[in-house]
C-alpha atoms as a PDB file:
ATOM      1  CA  UNK A   1      87.152 114.453  -3.785  1.00  0.00           C
ATOM      2  CA  UNK A   2      87.881 116.281  -7.051  1.00  0.00           C
ATOM      3  CA  UNK A   3      84.831 118.514  -6.543  1.00  0.00           C
ATOM      4  CA  UNK A   4      85.909 119.295  -2.982  1.00  0.00           C
ATOM      5  CA  UNK A   5      89.378 120.299  -4.159  1.00  0.00           C
ATOM      6  CA  UNK A   6      87.808 122.557  -6.799  1.00  0.00           C
ATOM      7  CA  UNK A   7      85.714 124.208  -4.074  1.00  0.00           C
ATOM      8  CA  UNK A   8      88.816 124.789  -1.946  1.00  0.00           C
ATOM      9  CA  UNK A   9      90.659 126.339  -4.886  1.00  0.00           C
ATOM     10  CA  UNK A  10      87.654 128.563  -5.489  1.00  0.00           C
ATOM     11  CA  UNK A  11      87.608 129.608  -1.845  1.00  0.00           C
ATOM     12  CA  UNK A  12      91.287 130.535  -2.005  1.00  0.00           C
ATOM     13  CA  UNK A  13      90.836 132.532  -5.222  1.00  0.00           C
ATOM     14  CA  UNK A  14      87.816 134.392  -3.849  1.00  0.00           C
ATOM     15  CA  UNK A  15      89.601 135.155  -0.573  1.00  0.00           C
ATOM     16  CA  UNK A  16      92.644 136.584  -2.366  1.00  0.00           C
ATOM     17  CA  UNK A  17      90.413 138.638  -4.633  1.00  0.00           C
ATOM     18  CA  UNK A  18      88.386 140.121  -1.792  1.00  0.00           C
ATOM     19  CA  UNK A  19      91.531 140.756   0.293  1.00  0.00           C
ATOM     20  CA  UNK A  20      92.827 142.834  -2.625  1.00  0.00           C
ATOM     21  CA  UNK A  21      89.438 144.570  -2.941  1.00  0.00           C
ATOM     22  CA  UNK A  22      89.100 143.573  -6.592  1.00  0.00           C
ATOM     23  CA  UNK A  23      85.918 142.716  -8.450  1.00  0.00           C
ATOM     24  CA  UNK A  24      85.473 139.508 -10.402  1.00  0.00           C
ATOM     25  CA  UNK A  25      85.436 141.620 -13.558  1.00  0.00           C
ATOM     26  CA  UNK A  26      88.812 143.197 -12.717  1.00  0.00           C
ATOM     27  CA  UNK A  27      90.518 139.898 -11.893  1.00  0.00           C
ATOM     28  CA  UNK A  28      89.014 138.154 -14.904  1.00  0.00           C
ATOM     29  CA  UNK A  29      90.270 140.904 -17.202  1.00  0.00           C
ATOM     30  CA  UNK A  30      93.768 140.788 -15.672  1.00  0.00           C
ATOM     31  CA  UNK A  31      93.849 136.987 -15.988  1.00  0.00           C
ATOM     32  CA  UNK A  32      92.485 136.950 -19.528  1.00  0.00           C
ATOM     33  CA  UNK A  33      89.366 134.932 -18.728  1.00  0.00           C
ATOM     34  CA  UNK A  34      85.665 135.754 -18.660  1.00  0.00           C
ATOM     35  CA  UNK A  35      83.929 136.935 -15.506  1.00  0.00           C
ATOM     36  CA  UNK A  36      81.644 133.909 -15.837  1.00  0.00           C
ATOM     37  CA  UNK A  37      84.647 131.556 -15.840  1.00  0.00           C
ATOM     38  CA  UNK A  38      86.035 133.235 -12.725  1.00  0.00           C
ATOM     39  CA  UNK A  39      82.638 132.969 -11.038  1.00  0.00           C
ATOM     40  CA  UNK A  40      82.522 129.228 -11.788  1.00  0.00           C
ATOM     41  CA  UNK A  41      86.058 128.775 -10.436  1.00  0.00           C
ATOM     42  CA  UNK A  42      85.233 130.675  -7.242  1.00  0.00           C
ATOM     43  CA  UNK A  43      82.069 128.605  -6.704  1.00  0.00           C
ATOM     44  CA  UNK A  44      84.041 125.397  -7.288  1.00  0.00           C
ATOM     45  CA  UNK A  45      81.847 124.276 -10.162  1.00  0.00           C
ATOM     46  CA  UNK A  46      84.765 124.485 -12.596  1.00  0.00           C
ATOM     47  CA  UNK A  47      88.379 123.527 -11.890  1.00  0.00           C
ATOM     48  CA  UNK A  48      90.882 125.916 -13.473  1.00  0.00           C
ATOM     49  CA  UNK A  49      93.433 124.608 -15.920  1.00  0.00           C
ATOM     50  CA  UNK A  50      97.038 125.070 -14.847  1.00  0.00           C
ATOM     51  CA  UNK A  51      97.619 128.009 -17.169  1.00  0.00           C
ATOM     52  CA  UNK A  52      94.476 129.687 -15.823  1.00  0.00           C
ATOM     53  CA  UNK A  53      95.621 129.083 -12.249  1.00  0.00           C
ATOM     54  CA  UNK A  54      98.947 130.768 -13.020  1.00  0.00           C
ATOM     55  CA  UNK A  55      97.184 133.679 -14.748  1.00  0.00           C
ATOM     56  CA  UNK A  56      94.942 134.117 -11.704  1.00  0.00           C
ATOM     57  CA  UNK A  57      97.957 134.052  -9.396  1.00  0.00           C
ATOM     58  CA  UNK A  58      99.631 136.740 -11.478  1.00  0.00           C
ATOM     59  CA  UNK A  59      96.454 138.854 -11.442  1.00  0.00           C
ATOM     60  CA  UNK A  60      96.172 138.425  -7.661  1.00  0.00           C
ATOM     61  CA  UNK A  61      99.891 139.081  -7.027  1.00  0.00           C
ATOM     62  CA  UNK A  62     100.497 135.757  -5.324  1.00  0.00           C
ATOM     63  CA  UNK A  63     102.123 132.424  -5.998  1.00  0.00           C
ATOM     64  CA  UNK A  64     100.016 129.790  -7.770  1.00  0.00           C
ATOM     65  CA  UNK A  65     100.600 127.459  -4.831  1.00  0.00           C
ATOM     66  CA  UNK A  66      98.814 129.978  -2.589  1.00  0.00           C
ATOM     67  CA  UNK A  67      95.630 129.131  -4.494  1.00  0.00           C
ATOM     68  CA  UNK A  68      95.973 125.354  -4.148  1.00  0.00           C
ATOM     69  CA  UNK A  69      94.703 123.671  -0.982  1.00  0.00           C
ATOM     70  CA  UNK A  70      97.259 122.047   1.287  1.00  0.00           C
ATOM     71  CA  UNK A  71      97.383 118.305   1.813  1.00  0.00           C
ATOM     72  CA  UNK A  72      96.022 118.851   5.345  1.00  0.00           C
ATOM     73  CA  UNK A  73      93.026 120.739   3.955  1.00  0.00           C
ATOM     74  CA  UNK A  74      92.302 117.946   1.492  1.00  0.00           C
ATOM     75  CA  UNK A  75      92.758 115.228   4.113  1.00  0.00           C
ATOM     76  CA  UNK A  76      90.223 117.024   6.309  1.00  0.00           C
ATOM     77  CA  UNK A  77      87.495 116.529   3.701  1.00  0.00           C
END
């Protein structure tokens, strides 16, 4: 289940990024992480730490909870 939650977080991050028409490089720089780390988060192969999640939310101009899957999404796994 942990891997599935990581994939959902990645999907949310990628969707916000593409909605804002930003590249991985731009978001990574704004969040203070590497492009490779952002790529791994978006693919769901790496779960972001809380401070990284908040940095990504700030870079994407959203609330950190917008990047976390809802209970209903998780229950549907």
